[in-house]
Protein backbone atom coordinates (compact mmCIF):
# COMPACT_ATOMS: atom_id res chain seq x y z
CA UNK A 1 61.73 20.08 -26.47
CA UNK A 2 61.21 20.68 -22.80
CA UNK A 3 57.82 21.54 -21.38
CA UNK A 4 57.46 22.95 -18.00
CA UNK A 5 54.40 22.27 -15.96
CA UNK A 6 53.48 24.81 -13.22
CA UNK A 7 51.86 23.78 -9.94
CA UNK A 8 48.56 25.50 -11.02
CA UNK A 9 48.49 23.31 -14.20
CA UNK A 10 49.26 20.19 -12.01
CA UNK A 11 46.69 20.95 -9.75
CA UNK A 12 44.09 21.61 -12.59
CA UNK A 13 45.08 18.28 -14.14
CA UNK A 14 44.48 16.50 -10.90
CA UNK A 15 41.19 18.07 -10.42
CA UNK A 16 40.17 17.14 -14.11
CA UNK A 17 41.05 13.57 -13.44
CA UNK A 18 39.28 13.52 -10.08
CA UNK A 19 36.19 14.78 -11.86
CA UNK A 20 36.46 12.15 -14.63
CA UNK A 21 36.83 9.39 -12.08
CA UNK A 22 33.80 10.86 -10.20
CA UNK A 23 31.74 10.94 -13.50
CA UNK A 24 32.50 7.32 -14.15
CA UNK A 25 31.46 6.30 -10.49
CA UNK A 26 28.34 8.33 -11.00
CA UNK A 27 27.42 6.43 -14.19
CA UNK A 28 28.14 3.01 -12.64
CA UNK A 29 25.97 3.91 -9.49
CA UNK A 30 22.88 4.87 -11.87
CA UNK A 31 23.47 1.69 -13.68
CA UNK A 32 23.31 -0.32 -10.58
CA UNK A 33 20.35 1.67 -9.18
CA UNK A 34 17.93 1.15 -12.23
CA UNK A 35 17.13 -2.63 -11.23
CA UNK A 36 16.50 -1.75 -7.68
CA UNK A 37 14.19 1.13 -8.64
CA UNK A 38 12.28 -1.28 -10.82
CA UNK A 39 12.11 -3.87 -8.03
CA UNK A 40 10.67 -1.10 -5.56
CA UNK A 41 8.10 -0.19 -8.26
CA UNK A 42 6.84 -3.57 -8.51
CA UNK A 43 6.74 -3.89 -4.71
CA UNK A 44 4.72 -0.65 -4.48
CA UNK A 45 2.34 -1.88 -6.93
CA UNK A 46 1.74 -5.12 -5.04
CA UNK A 47 1.18 -2.94 -1.76
CA UNK A 48 -1.38 -0.90 -3.51
CA UNK A 49 -3.20 -4.07 -4.63
CA UNK A 50 -3.10 -5.48 -1.06
CA UNK A 51 -4.35 -2.12 0.34
CA UNK A 52 -7.44 -2.06 -2.09
CA UNK A 53 -8.36 -5.54 -0.99
CA UNK A 54 -7.99 -4.61 2.70
CA UNK A 55 -10.16 -1.54 2.07
CA UNK A 56 -12.84 -3.64 0.37
CA UNK A 57 -12.97 -6.08 3.14
CA UNK A 58 -13.24 -3.31 5.64
CA UNK A 59 -16.13 -1.93 3.79
CA UNK A 60 -17.95 -5.29 3.63
CA UNK A 61 -17.22 -5.77 7.47
CA UNK A 62 -18.55 -2.37 8.15
CA UNK A 63 -21.80 -3.27 6.26
CA UNK A 64 -22.19 -6.30 8.27
CA UNK A 65 -21.64 -4.83 11.50
CA UNK A 66 -24.29 -2.20 10.59
CA UNK A 67 -26.73 -5.00 9.42
CA UNK A 68 -26.17 -6.84 12.74
CA UNK A 69 -26.58 -3.86 14.81
CA UNK A 70 -29.91 -3.12 13.24
CA UNK A 71 -31.07 -6.76 13.72
CA UNK A 72 -30.17 -6.55 17.23
CA UNK A 73 -32.00 -3.38 17.51
CA UNK A 74 -35.09 -5.08 15.86
CA UNK A 75 -34.78 -7.93 18.44
CA UNK A 76 -34.89 -5.20 21.20
CA UNK A 77 -37.94 -3.69 19.46
CA UNK A 78 -39.73 -7.08 19.61
CA UNK A 79 -39.19 -7.38 23.19
CA UNK A 80 -40.98 -3.85 23.45
CA UNK A 81 -43.52 -5.04 21.21
CA UNK A 82 -42.91 -2.59 18.24
CA UNK A 83 -42.02 -5.13 15.58
CA UNK A 84 -43.13 -8.59 14.37
CA UNK A 85 -40.86 -11.69 15.33
CA UNK A 86 -40.63 -12.81 11.62
CA UNK A 87 -39.18 -9.61 10.47
CA UNK A 88 -36.57 -9.64 13.30
CA UNK A 89 -35.54 -13.16 12.50
CA UNK A 90 -35.30 -12.54 8.92
CA UNK A 91 -32.96 -9.42 9.51
CA UNK A 92 -30.65 -11.72 11.87
CA UNK A 93 -30.62 -14.49 9.43
CA UNK A 94 -29.45 -11.96 6.59
CA UNK A 95 -26.86 -10.47 8.81
CA UNK A 96 -25.52 -13.96 9.66
CA UNK A 97 -25.37 -14.88 6.04
CA UNK A 98 -23.51 -11.64 5.31
CA UNK A 99 -20.95 -12.53 8.01
CA UNK A 100 -20.53 -16.06 6.74
CA UNK A 101 -19.93 -14.72 3.37
CA UNK A 102 -17.32 -12.47 4.65
CA UNK A 103 -15.38 -15.34 6.36
CA UNK A 104 -15.45 -17.35 3.05
CA UNK A 105 -13.45 -14.61 1.40
């Protein structure tokens, strides 16, 4: 029994084999990418945590700077005679204490 294969059938057979090989390579690629994606996800979570801590520290520093600014304003008001010396010194001590707490963290 002889079977003849035409060029069209041979071409279709080669295309089918190429598609099968391509599918196998794609499966292997996805299998190898899964651990990489998990690793990247962990890195992104760590980055999110670090960004949150940095944002908190920035807000604390902003509060301290505004406190220090108001304290220095109080000192200048004292020089103008608009506020008592004790209230100004209390404001400065509070601002310095906040600054000290920022550097402890």
